[in-house]
Amino acid sequence: MRTTPRVALVTGAAQGIGAAVARALAGEASIAALDTQEEGLSSLVNELRARDCRAAAFVADVSDSAAVERAVERIEGELGPISILVNVAGILRPGPVLSLSSEDWAATFAVNTHGVFHVSRAVARRMVPRKAGVIVTVGSNAASVPRMHMAAYVASKAASTMFTKCLGLELAPHNIRCNVVSPGSTDTAMQRSLWADEHGAQAVITGSLESFRLGIPLRRIATPADIADAVSFLVSDRARHITMHDLCVDGGATLGA
C-alpha cells in the first residue's frame, strides 16, 4: 500500500494506539513522535531507528497551543513538511456526572478536543499553501453511543469527531483530506484501567445489562495494531477519494450506530 506523504506527525505516540500508528507508518514516512512522556518517546524512536526508519521525538503538551506551534515549527525545520497528521493523544477521567469534578471535565476537553484543534490548526495552516496533506483523528465509538460514567470522555470525543469533519469540509478545496478512526475497546493501558480484575477483557466482550453496554459481536478485544491498520489505509493513496468519514473499528460493538 503506497503512501505518498513523507513526514508523519503522530500525537500520543509514547504508548498504545499512538505508538502502533507510528510503527505502522514508519516504513512509508519519517515519524515525528509527539507526547508528554519523554521516556516512552525515546524508547519508540530508538526502536524505529533500529529498523532504519527516520524518527524523532518531540515533547509537547497538545493542550498548550503555544507549545504545539513551537513543536510543529521544529518538526518542519528538522524533518521537512508535515504531510500526515494523526491525532491520537487522549486522556480518560471516568466517573458519574454528579460527582465529576470541574477539573476532570476541563482536563479531558483540554487534551481530547482542544488538543486536536491546536495540532490540526497548526499543521493545516502549513498544508494549505502546499495543496496537499491528510489528517486523521482517532476518536471513539463511544462518540455515537452514551456510556455510563464516561460523560467527559464521550463528549470530548464527539466534539473532536465533528470538528475533524468540519475541518475536512473547509480543507477539501485545498486537496487535504480529514477523516476519523473510531476504535472500540482496545487493549491499551487506558482500557485496562477500567477493568476490575483479570477477567476484564471477557467482561467487555460479553457486555453488561447493568451499564447498558452491548458486547462485541466479533468476540475479541482490538489490538492497537488493528486501529493502526485503519489509519494506514486512510492516509494512503487507496483512500484518496475519502474525506469527512468516520471509520468505526469496534468489532461490531455499537451495531453500526
Protein backbone atom coordinates (compact mmCIF):
# COMPACT_ATOMS: atom_id res chain seq x y z
CA MET A 1 0.00 0.00 0.00
CA ARG A 2 1.80 3.15 -1.18
CA THR A 3 1.58 6.28 0.94
CA THR A 4 2.60 9.45 -0.87
CA PRO A 5 3.23 11.78 2.14
CA ARG A 6 6.73 11.65 3.55
CA VAL A 7 6.57 13.17 7.08
CA ALA A 8 4.01 11.98 9.61
CA LEU A 9 3.28 13.71 12.92
CA VAL A 10 1.71 11.33 15.43
CA THR A 11 0.50 12.70 18.77
CA GLY A 12 0.16 10.46 21.80
CA ALA A 13 2.95 8.38 20.30
CA ALA A 14 4.61 7.21 23.51
CA GLN A 15 2.32 4.23 24.01
CA GLY A 16 -0.78 2.33 22.93
CA ILE A 17 -2.51 3.27 19.70
CA GLY A 18 -0.20 6.21 19.06
CA ALA A 19 2.91 4.03 19.19
CA ALA A 20 1.23 1.44 16.96
CA VAL A 21 0.37 4.11 14.39
CA ALA A 22 3.96 5.38 14.41
CA ARG A 23 5.24 1.84 13.82
CA ALA A 24 2.76 1.25 11.01
CA LEU A 25 3.67 4.45 9.17
CA ALA A 26 7.42 4.27 9.77
CA GLY A 27 8.05 2.31 6.59
CA GLU A 28 6.39 4.99 4.47
CA ALA A 29 7.26 8.27 6.19
CA SER A 30 9.62 9.96 8.59
CA ILE A 31 7.98 9.90 12.02
CA ALA A 32 7.64 12.93 14.28
CA ALA A 33 6.54 11.30 17.54
CA LEU A 34 4.94 13.79 19.94
CA ASP A 35 3.87 13.20 23.53
CA THR A 36 4.39 14.46 27.08
CA GLN A 37 6.02 11.17 28.10
CA GLU A 38 9.68 11.60 27.26
CA GLU A 39 10.77 8.09 28.28
CA GLY A 40 8.15 6.39 26.12
CA LEU A 41 9.01 8.59 23.16
CA SER A 42 12.70 7.80 23.50
CA SER A 43 12.00 4.07 23.54
CA LEU A 44 9.79 4.29 20.45
CA VAL A 45 12.23 6.42 18.47
CA ASN A 46 15.13 4.11 19.29
CA GLU A 47 13.04 1.14 18.16
CA LEU A 48 12.16 2.80 14.85
CA ARG A 49 15.72 3.89 14.21
CA ALA A 50 16.87 0.32 14.81
CA ARG A 51 14.62 -0.57 11.87
CA ASP A 52 16.44 2.05 9.76
CA CYS A 53 13.41 4.33 9.90
CA ARG A 54 13.80 8.08 10.26
CA ALA A 55 12.18 9.21 13.52
CA ALA A 56 12.50 11.98 16.09
CA ALA A 57 10.87 12.68 19.44
CA PHE A 58 9.16 15.94 20.31
CA VAL A 59 7.98 16.52 23.88
CA ALA A 60 4.95 18.80 23.99
CA ASP A 61 1.51 19.04 25.59
CA VAL A 62 -1.20 19.27 22.92
CA SER A 63 -3.39 21.26 25.31
CA ASP A 64 -0.84 24.12 25.12
CA SER A 65 -1.35 25.93 21.81
CA ALA A 66 1.95 27.82 22.03
CA ALA A 67 3.88 24.61 22.72
CA VAL A 68 2.16 22.96 19.75
CA GLU A 69 3.14 25.82 17.42
CA ARG A 70 6.76 25.58 18.55
CA ALA A 71 6.80 21.80 18.10
CA VAL A 72 5.29 21.92 14.61
CA GLU A 73 7.80 24.59 13.59
CA ARG A 74 10.65 22.40 14.87
CA ILE A 75 9.32 19.31 13.10
CA GLU A 76 9.10 21.05 9.74
CA GLY A 77 12.55 22.52 10.23
CA GLU A 78 14.18 19.23 11.23
CA LEU A 79 12.27 16.60 9.26
CA GLY A 80 10.53 18.51 6.48
CA PRO A 81 6.95 19.46 5.57
CA ILE A 82 4.32 17.53 7.50
CA SER A 83 2.12 15.61 5.08
CA ILE A 84 0.35 13.30 7.55
CA LEU A 85 -1.11 14.24 10.91
CA VAL A 86 -2.60 11.59 13.18
CA ASN A 87 -4.25 12.95 16.33
CA VAL A 88 -4.09 10.17 18.92
CA ALA A 89 -3.28 11.94 22.21
CA GLY A 90 -6.08 11.47 24.71
CA ILE A 91 -6.91 11.02 28.37
CA LEU A 92 -9.72 9.34 30.30
CA ARG A 93 -11.20 10.67 33.55
CA PRO A 94 -14.13 8.33 34.32
CA GLY A 95 -16.80 8.97 36.91
CA PRO A 96 -20.52 9.64 37.39
CA VAL A 97 -21.59 13.06 36.12
CA LEU A 98 -22.89 14.17 39.51
CA SER A 99 -19.53 13.62 41.18
CA LEU A 100 -17.28 14.51 38.23
CA SER A 101 -15.05 17.44 39.12
CA SER A 102 -14.83 20.57 37.01
CA GLU A 103 -11.07 19.95 36.82
CA ASP A 104 -11.52 16.47 35.33
CA TRP A 105 -14.06 17.78 32.81
CA ALA A 106 -11.78 20.63 31.75
CA ALA A 107 -8.66 18.43 31.59
CA THR A 108 -10.44 15.91 29.37
CA PHE A 109 -11.52 18.54 26.87
CA ALA A 110 -8.13 20.28 27.04
CA VAL A 111 -6.42 17.18 25.61
CA ASN A 112 -9.09 15.28 23.69
CA THR A 113 -10.77 18.25 21.99
CA HIS A 114 -8.64 21.39 22.33
CA GLY A 115 -5.53 19.34 21.60
CA VAL A 116 -6.99 18.10 18.31
CA PHE A 117 -7.86 21.69 17.42
CA HIS A 118 -4.43 23.07 18.32
CA VAL A 119 -2.42 20.49 16.40
CA SER A 120 -4.76 20.30 13.40
CA ARG A 121 -4.82 24.10 13.04
CA ALA A 122 -1.04 24.41 13.26
CA VAL A 123 -0.45 21.67 10.69
CA ALA A 124 -3.30 22.63 8.35
CA ARG A 125 -2.03 26.19 8.10
CA ARG A 126 1.15 24.78 6.60
CA MET A 127 -0.57 22.17 4.44
CA VAL A 128 -2.89 24.65 2.71
CA PRO A 129 -0.18 26.54 0.75
CA ARG A 130 1.23 23.18 -0.35
CA LYS A 131 -2.21 21.97 -1.51
CA ALA A 132 -1.64 18.51 -0.07
CA GLY A 133 -1.99 16.55 3.14
CA VAL A 134 -4.09 14.17 5.16
CA ILE A 135 -5.33 14.38 8.75
CA VAL A 136 -6.76 11.50 10.78
CA THR A 137 -8.21 11.92 14.26
CA VAL A 138 -8.52 8.85 16.46
CA GLY A 139 -11.88 9.26 18.15
CA SER A 140 -14.03 6.62 19.83
CA ASN A 141 -17.06 4.52 19.02
CA ALA A 142 -18.49 5.95 22.25
CA ALA A 143 -18.89 9.29 20.45
CA SER A 144 -22.13 7.94 18.97
CA VAL A 145 -23.36 5.82 21.90
CA PRO A 146 -23.84 7.03 25.50
CA ARG A 147 -21.62 5.39 28.12
CA MET A 148 -22.13 5.15 31.86
CA HIS A 149 -19.55 7.08 33.92
CA MET A 150 -17.70 8.30 30.81
CA ALA A 151 -19.54 11.54 30.01
CA ALA A 152 -16.46 13.75 29.77
CA TYR A 153 -14.55 11.33 27.56
CA VAL A 154 -17.52 10.61 25.30
CA ALA A 155 -18.47 14.27 24.90
CA SER A 156 -14.87 15.28 24.16
CA LYS A 157 -14.53 12.58 21.52
CA ALA A 158 -17.84 13.53 19.92
CA ALA A 159 -16.64 17.13 19.71
CA SER A 160 -13.28 16.21 18.15
CA THR A 161 -15.04 13.92 15.67
CA MET A 162 -17.35 16.66 14.41
CA PHE A 163 -14.50 19.18 14.43
CA THR A 164 -12.47 16.90 12.16
CA LYS A 165 -15.37 16.55 9.74
CA CYS A 166 -15.87 20.34 9.64
CA LEU A 167 -12.14 20.75 9.06
CA GLY A 168 -12.36 18.26 6.21
CA LEU A 169 -15.11 20.30 4.58
CA GLU A 170 -13.09 23.51 4.77
CA LEU A 171 -9.85 21.92 3.58
CA ALA A 172 -11.27 19.85 0.71
CA PRO A 173 -10.73 22.64 -1.86
CA HIS A 174 -7.03 22.53 -0.92
CA ASN A 175 -6.73 18.78 -1.63
CA ILE A 176 -6.44 17.96 2.08
CA ARG A 177 -8.42 15.02 3.41
CA CYS A 178 -9.63 14.75 7.02
CA ASN A 179 -11.05 11.54 8.46
CA VAL A 180 -11.78 9.87 11.79
CA VAL A 181 -10.98 6.38 13.04
CA SER A 182 -13.23 5.42 15.96
CA PRO A 183 -11.91 2.45 17.96
CA GLY A 184 -13.99 0.37 20.29
CA SER A 185 -12.45 -1.39 23.27
CA THR A 186 -8.74 -1.77 22.51
CA ASP A 187 -6.07 -3.46 24.62
CA THR A 188 -4.24 -0.38 25.90
CA ALA A 189 -3.29 0.95 29.32
CA MET A 190 -6.35 3.22 29.18
CA GLN A 191 -8.67 0.27 28.56
CA ARG A 192 -7.08 -1.87 31.25
CA SER A 193 -7.55 0.93 33.79
CA LEU A 194 -11.30 0.27 33.51
CA TRP A 195 -11.07 -3.45 34.25
CA ALA A 196 -11.95 -4.67 37.74
CA ASP A 197 -9.78 -7.81 37.55
CA GLU A 198 -8.01 -10.23 35.22
CA HIS A 199 -11.36 -11.09 33.63
CA GLY A 200 -11.87 -7.53 32.43
CA ALA A 201 -11.44 -8.31 28.74
CA GLN A 202 -14.05 -11.06 28.84
CA ALA A 203 -16.47 -8.77 30.67
CA VAL A 204 -16.15 -6.19 27.90
CA ILE A 205 -16.64 -8.83 25.21
CA THR A 206 -19.74 -10.18 26.97
CA GLY A 207 -21.30 -6.79 27.68
CA SER A 208 -23.31 -5.63 30.68
CA LEU A 209 -27.06 -5.07 31.06
CA GLU A 210 -26.46 -3.11 34.26
CA SER A 211 -24.36 -0.50 32.45
CA PHE A 212 -26.44 -0.67 29.25
CA ARG A 213 -23.42 -1.81 27.32
CA LEU A 214 -23.55 -4.26 24.43
CA GLY A 215 -20.86 -6.86 23.98
CA ILE A 216 -18.56 -7.30 21.00
CA PRO A 217 -20.05 -9.49 18.24
CA LEU A 218 -16.63 -10.49 16.89
CA ARG A 219 -15.79 -11.81 20.39
CA ARG A 220 -12.41 -10.17 20.77
CA ILE A 221 -10.78 -7.00 22.06
CA ALA A 222 -8.99 -4.97 19.40
CA THR A 223 -5.23 -4.60 19.44
CA PRO A 224 -3.55 -1.22 18.83
CA ALA A 225 -2.33 -2.64 15.51
CA ASP A 226 -5.96 -3.11 14.39
CA ILE A 227 -6.51 0.62 14.78
CA ALA A 228 -3.18 1.48 13.19
CA ASP A 229 -4.11 -0.56 10.11
CA ALA A 230 -7.24 1.53 9.65
CA VAL A 231 -5.21 4.73 9.97
CA SER A 232 -2.67 3.42 7.47
CA PHE A 233 -5.41 2.86 4.93
CA LEU A 234 -6.94 6.30 5.36
CA VAL A 235 -3.61 8.11 4.87
CA SER A 236 -2.74 6.04 1.81
CA ASP A 237 -3.42 6.76 -1.86
CA ARG A 238 -6.00 3.96 -1.81
CA ALA A 239 -8.23 6.28 0.24
CA ARG A 240 -7.61 9.32 -1.94
CA HIS A 241 -11.34 9.93 -2.51
CA ILE A 242 -12.36 9.53 1.15
CA THR A 243 -12.79 12.54 3.39
CA MET A 244 -15.04 13.51 6.34
CA HIS A 245 -15.54 9.80 7.01
CA ASP A 246 -15.74 8.12 10.42
CA LEU A 247 -14.37 4.58 10.23
CA CYS A 248 -15.56 2.57 13.24
CA VAL A 249 -13.22 -0.25 14.30
CA ASP A 250 -15.02 -1.92 17.20
CA GLY A 251 -15.84 -5.49 16.24
CA GLY A 252 -19.49 -4.53 15.86
CA ALA A 253 -19.88 -3.34 19.46
CA THR A 254 -22.04 -0.33 18.61
CA LEU A 255 -24.05 -2.18 15.93
CA GLY A 256 -23.17 0.45 13.35
CA ALA A 257 -24.81 3.25 15.38
